[in-house]
Every structure is written in C-alpha cells, then in structure tokens.
C-alpha cells in the first residue's frame, strides 16, 4: 500500500520507542489514537505492521478486535 513517507517515519519512531504497537481492527478509523497528532490513519498502521510481520520483524496477536504487535530479535537488528 502506498503511504506518505512521513506516516511511515512516525509509525517506525513510535514502534522503536515503545517496542510494541496496538491497533483496533477498524480500517475506517480516521486516525490512530497514539499518532493522532501526526494525522496517521489506522489503516496505514495496520498495513505497515502487516508488512513488517511478513518479513518476520514483528510478532502479531489478535484478541478482542485488537491487533498487538511485538518487535522480534530480527526486527531489532
């Protein structure tokens, strides 16, 4: 999915600062709650995490309509 570079940078900054990312399973949510000040849509967060997960940089869990992603050791390096 094509997304602005500033959104990718904001997502990665928050991810490496916290080490985890949480997103509600709602593609129509206009802004991700933790990145609302940077106007990053929830869909961009979900797709960026899906991309990192496919490269084995993240581990994904899904529970109660929430996605939880954790950085793996490969993702840190």
PDB file of N, CA and C in Angstrom:
ATOM      1  N   UNK A   1       0.846  -1.175   0.000  1.00  0.00           N
ATOM      2  CA  UNK A   1       0.000   0.000   0.000  1.00  0.00           C
ATOM      3  C   UNK A   1       0.887   1.233   0.000  1.00  0.00           C
ATOM      4  N   UNK A   2       0.541   2.183  -0.812  1.00  0.00           N
ATOM      5  CA  UNK A   2       1.276   3.438  -0.851  1.00  0.00           C
ATOM      6  C   UNK A   2       0.826   4.337   0.290  1.00  0.00           C
ATOM      7  N   UNK A   3       1.808   4.872   1.005  1.00  0.00           N
ATOM      8  CA  UNK A   3       1.503   5.817   2.083  1.00  0.00           C
ATOM      9  C   UNK A   3       2.623   6.843   2.140  1.00  0.00           C
ATOM     10  N   UNK A   4       2.316   8.026   2.625  1.00  0.00           N
ATOM     11  CA  UNK A   4       3.339   9.075   2.695  1.00  0.00           C
ATOM     12  C   UNK A   4       4.515   8.664   3.583  1.00  0.00           C
ATOM     13  N   UNK A   5       5.693   9.131   3.205  1.00  0.00           N
ATOM     14  CA  UNK A   5       6.913   8.815   3.951  1.00  0.00           C
ATOM     15  C   UNK A   5       6.828   9.310   5.396  1.00  0.00           C
ATOM     16  N   UNK A   6       6.173  10.451   5.609  1.00  0.00           N
ATOM     17  CA  UNK A   6       6.072  10.991   6.977  1.00  0.00           C
ATOM     18  C   UNK A   6       5.257  10.060   7.878  1.00  0.00           C
ATOM     19  N   UNK A   7       4.267   9.375   7.309  1.00  0.00           N
ATOM     20  CA  UNK A   7       3.492   8.412   8.090  1.00  0.00           C
ATOM     21  C   UNK A   7       4.331   7.187   8.439  1.00  0.00           C
ATOM     22  N   UNK A   8       5.126   6.708   7.491  1.00  0.00           N
ATOM     23  CA  UNK A   8       5.997   5.573   7.754  1.00  0.00           C
ATOM     24  C   UNK A   8       7.006   5.906   8.848  1.00  0.00           C
ATOM     25  N   UNK A   9       7.566   7.095   8.784  1.00  0.00           N
ATOM     26  CA  UNK A   9       8.545   7.517   9.786  1.00  0.00           C
ATOM     27  C   UNK A   9       7.900   7.633  11.159  1.00  0.00           C
ATOM     28  N   UNK A  10       6.706   8.206  11.227  1.00  0.00           N
ATOM     29  CA  UNK A  10       6.006   8.353  12.511  1.00  0.00           C
ATOM     30  C   UNK A  10       5.685   6.989  13.122  1.00  0.00           C
ATOM     31  N   UNK A  11       5.272   6.041  12.290  1.00  0.00           N
ATOM     32  CA  UNK A  11       4.954   4.696  12.778  1.00  0.00           C
ATOM     33  C   UNK A  11       6.210   4.014  13.309  1.00  0.00           C
ATOM     34  N   UNK A  12       7.299   4.086  12.558  1.00  0.00           N
ATOM     35  CA  UNK A  12       8.545   3.435  12.978  1.00  0.00           C
ATOM     36  C   UNK A  12       9.134   4.090  14.227  1.00  0.00           C
ATOM     37  N   UNK A  13       9.037   5.409  14.332  1.00  0.00           N
ATOM     38  CA  UNK A  13       9.540   6.087  15.534  1.00  0.00           C
ATOM     39  C   UNK A  13       8.808   5.611  16.778  1.00  0.00           C
ATOM     40  N   UNK A  14       7.482   5.544  16.697  1.00  0.00           N
ATOM     41  CA  UNK A  14       6.703   5.086  17.842  1.00  0.00           C
ATOM     42  C   UNK A  14       6.978   3.617  18.139  1.00  0.00           C
ATOM     43  N   UNK A  15       7.103   2.815  17.103  1.00  0.00           N
ATOM     44  CA  UNK A  15       7.344   1.395  17.275  1.00  0.00           C
ATOM     45  C   UNK A  15       8.668   1.129  17.974  1.00  0.00           C
ATOM     46  N   UNK A  16       9.738   1.777  17.551  1.00  0.00           N
ATOM     47  CA  UNK A  16      11.039   1.524  18.155  1.00  0.00           C
ATOM     48  C   UNK A  16      11.188   2.206  19.508  1.00  0.00           C
ATOM     49  N   UNK A  17      10.399   3.229  19.758  1.00  0.00           N
ATOM     50  CA  UNK A  17      10.405   3.878  21.075  1.00  0.00           C
ATOM     51  C   UNK A  17       9.723   2.984  22.101  1.00  0.00           C
ATOM     52  N   UNK A  18       8.570   2.409  21.734  1.00  0.00           N
ATOM     53  CA  UNK A  18       7.783   1.601  22.655  1.00  0.00           C
ATOM     54  C   UNK A  18       8.119   0.107  22.586  1.00  0.00           C
ATOM     55  N   UNK A  19       8.416  -0.390  21.389  1.00  0.00           N
ATOM     56  CA  UNK A  19       8.691  -1.818  21.219  1.00  0.00           C
ATOM     57  C   UNK A  19       7.442  -2.637  20.913  1.00  0.00           C
ATOM     58  N   UNK A  20       6.289  -2.020  21.072  1.00  0.00           N
ATOM     59  CA  UNK A  20       5.016  -2.684  20.781  1.00  0.00           C
ATOM     60  C   UNK A  20       4.096  -1.698  20.067  1.00  0.00           C
ATOM     61  N   UNK A  21       3.103  -2.237  19.376  1.00  0.00           N
ATOM     62  CA  UNK A  21       2.105  -1.406  18.719  1.00  0.00           C
ATOM     63  C   UNK A  21       0.752  -2.080  18.895  1.00  0.00           C
ATOM     64  N   UNK A  22      -0.268  -1.286  19.164  1.00  0.00           N
ATOM     65  CA  UNK A  22      -1.631  -1.773  19.328  1.00  0.00           C
ATOM     66  C   UNK A  22      -2.516  -0.993  18.367  1.00  0.00           C
ATOM     67  N   UNK A  23      -3.421  -1.710  17.683  1.00  0.00           N
ATOM     68  CA  UNK A  23      -4.353  -1.040  16.771  1.00  0.00           C
ATOM     69  C   UNK A  23      -5.689  -1.765  16.814  1.00  0.00           C
ATOM     70  N   UNK A  24      -6.741  -0.990  16.839  1.00  0.00           N
ATOM     71  CA  UNK A  24      -8.085  -1.545  16.779  1.00  0.00           C
ATOM     72  C   UNK A  24      -8.349  -2.056  15.364  1.00  0.00           C
ATOM     73  N   UNK A  25      -9.076  -3.142  15.255  1.00  0.00           N
ATOM     74  CA  UNK A  25      -9.389  -3.717  13.943  1.00  0.00           C
ATOM     75  C   UNK A  25     -10.512  -2.909  13.291  1.00  0.00           C
ATOM     76  N   UNK A  26     -10.168  -1.697  12.873  1.00  0.00           N
ATOM     77  CA  UNK A  26     -11.132  -0.788  12.251  1.00  0.00           C
ATOM     78  C   UNK A  26     -10.415  -0.016  11.146  1.00  0.00           C
ATOM     79  N   UNK A  27     -10.632  -0.420   9.899  1.00  0.00           N
ATOM     80  CA  UNK A  27      -9.950   0.229   8.780  1.00  0.00           C
ATOM     81  C   UNK A  27     -10.552   1.593   8.456  1.00  0.00           C
ATOM     82  N   UNK A  28     -11.717   1.897   8.984  1.00  0.00           N
ATOM     83  CA  UNK A  28     -12.373   3.176   8.706  1.00  0.00           C
ATOM     84  C   UNK A  28     -12.080   4.239   9.755  1.00  0.00           C
ATOM     85  N   UNK A  29     -11.303   3.904  10.781  1.00  0.00           N
ATOM     86  CA  UNK A  29     -10.930   4.880  11.806  1.00  0.00           C
ATOM     87  C   UNK A  29     -10.033   5.937  11.161  1.00  0.00           C
ATOM     88  N   UNK A  30     -10.379   7.183  11.331  1.00  0.00           N
ATOM     89  CA  UNK A  30      -9.661   8.247  10.619  1.00  0.00           C
ATOM     90  C   UNK A  30      -8.232   8.434  11.120  1.00  0.00           C
ATOM     91  N   UNK A  31      -8.001   8.276  12.424  1.00  0.00           N
ATOM     92  CA  UNK A  31      -6.657   8.472  12.979  1.00  0.00           C
ATOM     93  C   UNK A  31      -6.362   7.383  13.996  1.00  0.00           C
ATOM     94  N   UNK A  32      -5.101   6.967  14.033  1.00  0.00           N
ATOM     95  CA  UNK A  32      -4.664   6.041  15.065  1.00  0.00           C
ATOM     96  C   UNK A  32      -4.541   6.827  16.365  1.00  0.00           C
ATOM     97  N   UNK A  33      -5.068   6.307  17.479  1.00  0.00           N
ATOM     98  CA  UNK A  33      -5.088   7.097  18.727  1.00  0.00           C
ATOM     99  C   UNK A  33      -3.714   7.566  19.211  1.00  0.00           C
ATOM    100  N   UNK A  34      -2.677   6.735  19.059  1.00  0.00           N
ATOM    101  CA  UNK A  34      -1.347   7.117  19.546  1.00  0.00           C
ATOM    102  C   UNK A  34      -0.625   8.059  18.585  1.00  0.00           C
ATOM    103  N   UNK A  35      -1.110   8.136  17.351  1.00  0.00           N
ATOM    104  CA  UNK A  35      -0.484   9.001  16.348  1.00  0.00           C
ATOM    105  C   UNK A  35      -1.465  10.055  15.833  1.00  0.00           C
ATOM    106  N   UNK A  36      -2.433  10.418  16.649  1.00  0.00           N
ATOM    107  CA  UNK A  36      -3.464  11.375  16.229  1.00  0.00           C
ATOM    108  C   UNK A  36      -2.877  12.751  15.942  1.00  0.00           C
ATOM    109  N   UNK A  37      -1.833  13.148  16.682  1.00  0.00           N
ATOM    110  CA  UNK A  37      -1.238  14.464  16.454  1.00  0.00           C
ATOM    111  C   UNK A  37      -0.513  14.549  15.112  1.00  0.00           C
ATOM    112  N   UNK A  38      -0.165  13.392  14.535  1.00  0.00           N
ATOM    113  CA  UNK A  38       0.527  13.367  13.242  1.00  0.00           C
ATOM    114  C   UNK A  38      -0.402  12.972  12.100  1.00  0.00           C
ATOM    115  N   UNK A  39      -1.695  12.821  12.384  1.00  0.00           N
ATOM    116  CA  UNK A  39      -2.724  12.503  11.379  1.00  0.00           C
ATOM    117  C   UNK A  39      -2.435  11.226  10.591  1.00  0.00           C
ATOM    118  N   UNK A  40      -2.032  10.179  11.296  1.00  0.00           N
ATOM    119  CA  UNK A  40      -1.765   8.892  10.652  1.00  0.00           C
ATOM    120  C   UNK A  40      -3.019   8.029  10.756  1.00  0.00           C
ATOM    121  N   UNK A  41      -3.593   7.607   9.627  1.00  0.00           N
ATOM    122  CA  UNK A  41      -4.786   6.752   9.675  1.00  0.00           C
ATOM    123  C   UNK A  41      -4.479   5.375  10.257  1.00  0.00           C
ATOM    124  N   UNK A  42      -5.462   4.783  10.885  1.00  0.00           N
ATOM    125  CA  UNK A  42      -5.306   3.459  11.475  1.00  0.00           C
ATOM    126  C   UNK A  42      -4.975   2.423  10.402  1.00  0.00           C
ATOM    127  N   UNK A  43      -5.519   2.574   9.216  1.00  0.00           N
ATOM    128  CA  UNK A  43      -5.244   1.643   8.122  1.00  0.00           C
ATOM    129  C   UNK A  43      -3.760   1.627   7.764  1.00  0.00           C
ATOM    130  N   UNK A  44      -3.105   2.790   7.778  1.00  0.00           N
ATOM    131  CA  UNK A  44      -1.673   2.849   7.475  1.00  0.00           C
ATOM    132  C   UNK A  44      -0.873   2.102   8.531  1.00  0.00           C
ATOM    133  N   UNK A  45      -1.266   2.221   9.790  1.00  0.00           N
ATOM    134  CA  UNK A  45      -0.575   1.498  10.862  1.00  0.00           C
ATOM    135  C   UNK A  45      -0.741  -0.004  10.666  1.00  0.00           C
ATOM    136  N   UNK A  46      -1.957  -0.439  10.376  1.00  0.00           N
ATOM    137  CA  UNK A  46      -2.209  -1.869  10.196  1.00  0.00           C
ATOM    138  C   UNK A  46      -1.412  -2.432   9.024  1.00  0.00           C
ATOM    139  N   UNK A  47      -1.354  -1.712   7.922  1.00  0.00           N
ATOM    140  CA  UNK A  47      -0.644  -2.202   6.738  1.00  0.00           C
ATOM    141  C   UNK A  47       0.872  -2.159   6.921  1.00  0.00           C
ATOM    142  N   UNK A  48       1.383  -1.155   7.627  1.00  0.00           N
ATOM    143  CA  UNK A  48       2.820  -1.103   7.898  1.00  0.00           C
ATOM    144  C   UNK A  48       3.231  -2.271   8.798  1.00  0.00           C
ATOM    145  N   UNK A  49       2.414  -2.561   9.791  1.00  0.00           N
ATOM    146  CA  UNK A  49       2.716  -3.687  10.681  1.00  0.00           C
ATOM    147  C   UNK A  49       2.584  -5.019   9.950  1.00  0.00           C
ATOM    148  N   UNK A  50       1.616  -5.119   9.046  1.00  0.00           N
ATOM    149  CA  UNK A  50       1.457  -6.339   8.243  1.00  0.00           C
ATOM    150  C   UNK A  50       2.703  -6.569   7.386  1.00  0.00           C
ATOM    151  N   UNK A  51       3.251  -5.508   6.841  1.00  0.00           N
ATOM    152  CA  UNK A  51       4.456  -5.615   6.032  1.00  0.00           C
ATOM    153  C   UNK A  51       5.647  -6.070   6.877  1.00  0.00           C
ATOM    154  N   UNK A  52       5.811  -5.477   8.049  1.00  0.00           N
ATOM    155  CA  UNK A  52       6.920  -5.870   8.928  1.00  0.00           C
ATOM    156  C   UNK A  52       6.747  -7.300   9.437  1.00  0.00           C
ATOM    157  N   UNK A  53       5.509  -7.706   9.673  1.00  0.00           N
ATOM    158  CA  UNK A  53       5.233  -9.070  10.118  1.00  0.00           C
ATOM    159  C   UNK A  53       5.598 -10.088   9.034  1.00  0.00           C
ATOM    160  N   UNK A  54       5.316  -9.774   7.785  1.00  0.00           N
ATOM    161  CA  UNK A  54       5.621 -10.695   6.691  1.00  0.00           C
ATOM    162  C   UNK A  54       7.130 -10.879   6.519  1.00  0.00           C
ATOM    163  N   UNK A  55       7.916  -9.921   6.996  1.00  0.00           N
ATOM    164  CA  UNK A  55       9.375 -10.016   6.931  1.00  0.00           C
ATOM    165  C   UNK A  55       9.952 -10.598   8.222  1.00  0.00           C
ATOM    166  N   UNK A  56       9.084 -11.083   9.112  1.00  0.00           N
ATOM    167  CA  UNK A  56       9.458 -11.678  10.406  1.00  0.00           C
ATOM    168  C   UNK A  56      10.156 -10.692  11.340  1.00  0.00           C
ATOM    169  N   UNK A  57       9.832  -9.405  11.222  1.00  0.00           N
ATOM    170  CA  UNK A  57      10.358  -8.411  12.147  1.00  0.00           C
ATOM    171  C   UNK A  57       9.406  -8.179  13.316  1.00  0.00           C
ATOM    172  N   UNK A  58       8.170  -8.656  13.183  1.00  0.00           N
ATOM    173  CA  UNK A  58       7.148  -8.463  14.209  1.00  0.00           C
ATOM    174  C   UNK A  58       6.451  -9.786  14.496  1.00  0.00           C
ATOM    175  N   UNK A  59       5.916  -9.873  15.703  1.00  0.00           N
ATOM    176  CA  UNK A  59       5.047 -10.985  16.074  1.00  0.00           C
ATOM    177  C   UNK A  59       3.666 -10.395  16.318  1.00  0.00           C
ATOM    178  N   UNK A  60       2.635 -11.045  15.760  1.00  0.00           N
ATOM    179  CA  UNK A  60       1.284 -10.495  15.830  1.00  0.00           C
ATOM    180  C   UNK A  60       0.382 -11.374  16.685  1.00  0.00           C
ATOM    181  N   UNK A  61      -0.450 -10.727  17.477  1.00  0.00           N
ATOM    182  CA  UNK A  61      -1.505 -11.401  18.224  1.00  0.00           C
ATOM    183  C   UNK A  61      -2.785 -10.624  17.999  1.00  0.00           C
ATOM    184  N   UNK A  62      -3.890 -11.350  17.975  1.00  0.00           N
ATOM    185  CA  UNK A  62      -5.192 -10.707  17.765  1.00  0.00           C
ATOM    186  C   UNK A  62      -6.130 -11.183  18.856  1.00  0.00           C
ATOM    187  N   UNK A  63      -6.730 -10.232  19.554  1.00  0.00           N
ATOM    188  CA  UNK A  63      -7.643 -10.573  20.629  1.00  0.00           C
ATOM    189  C   UNK A  63      -8.637  -9.434  20.845  1.00  0.00           C
ATOM    190  N   UNK A  64      -9.895  -9.780  20.916  1.00  0.00           N
ATOM    191  CA  UNK A  64     -10.958  -8.815  21.217  1.00  0.00           C
ATOM    192  C   UNK A  64     -10.911  -7.604  20.298  1.00  0.00           C
ATOM    193  N   UNK A  65     -10.849  -7.845  18.997  1.00  0.00           N
ATOM    194  CA  UNK A  65     -10.856  -6.798  17.962  1.00  0.00           C
ATOM    195  C   UNK A  65      -9.678  -5.837  18.068  1.00  0.00           C
ATOM    196  N   UNK A  66      -8.580  -6.308  18.630  1.00  0.00           N
ATOM    197  CA  UNK A  66      -7.364  -5.506  18.744  1.00  0.00           C
ATOM    198  C   UNK A  66      -6.190  -6.311  18.186  1.00  0.00           C
ATOM    199  N   UNK A  67      -5.341  -5.642  17.430  1.00  0.00           N
ATOM    200  CA  UNK A  67      -4.088  -6.247  16.992  1.00  0.00           C
ATOM    201  C   UNK A  67      -3.000  -5.809  17.950  1.00  0.00           C
ATOM    202  N   UNK A  68      -2.126  -6.745  18.311  1.00  0.00           N
ATOM    203  CA  UNK A  68      -0.969  -6.456  19.151  1.00  0.00           C
ATOM    204  C   UNK A  68       0.270  -6.931  18.399  1.00  0.00           C
ATOM    205  N   UNK A  69       1.244  -6.063  18.217  1.00  0.00           N
ATOM    206  CA  UNK A  69       2.479  -6.426  17.542  1.00  0.00           C
ATOM    207  C   UNK A  69       3.646  -6.179  18.473  1.00  0.00           C
ATOM    208  N   UNK A  70       4.585  -7.145  18.506  1.00  0.00           N
ATOM    209  CA  UNK A  70       5.817  -7.030  19.284  1.00  0.00           C
ATOM    210  C   UNK A  70       6.995  -7.146  18.332  1.00  0.00           C
ATOM    211  N   UNK A  71       8.047  -6.391  18.600  1.00  0.00           N
ATOM    212  CA  UNK A  71       9.254  -6.472  17.786  1.00  0.00           C
ATOM    213  C   UNK A  71      10.014  -7.737  18.160  1.00  0.00           C
ATOM    214  N   UNK A  72      10.455  -8.499  17.154  1.00  0.00           N
ATOM    215  CA  UNK A  72      11.265  -9.699  17.399  1.00  0.00           C
ATOM    216  C   UNK A  72      12.740  -9.303  17.432  1.00  0.00           C
ATOM    217  N   UNK A  73      13.598 -10.276  17.742  1.00  0.00           N
ATOM    218  CA  UNK A  73      15.029 -10.020  17.759  1.00  0.00           C
ATOM    219  C   UNK A  73      15.552  -9.627  16.373  1.00  0.00           C
ATOM    220  N   UNK A  74      14.996 -10.237  15.321  1.00  0.00           N
ATOM    221  CA  UNK A  74      15.400  -9.879  13.968  1.00  0.00           C
ATOM    222  C   UNK A  74      15.006  -8.436  13.638  1.00  0.00           C
ATOM    223  N   UNK A  75      13.892  -7.992  14.195  1.00  0.00           N
ATOM    224  CA  UNK A  75      13.421  -6.633  13.954  1.00  0.00           C
ATOM    225  C   UNK A  75      14.296  -5.581  14.629  1.00  0.00           C
ATOM    226  N   UNK A  76      14.914  -5.944  15.732  1.00  0.00           N
ATOM    227  CA  UNK A  76      15.774  -5.004  16.441  1.00  0.00           C
ATOM    228  C   UNK A  76      17.078  -4.796  15.682  1.00  0.00           C
ATOM    229  N   UNK A  77      17.581  -5.885  15.115  1.00  0.00           N
ATOM    230  CA  UNK A  77      18.857  -5.809  14.394  1.00  0.00           C
ATOM    231  C   UNK A  77      18.615  -5.237  13.041  1.00  0.00           C
TER     232      UNK A  77
END
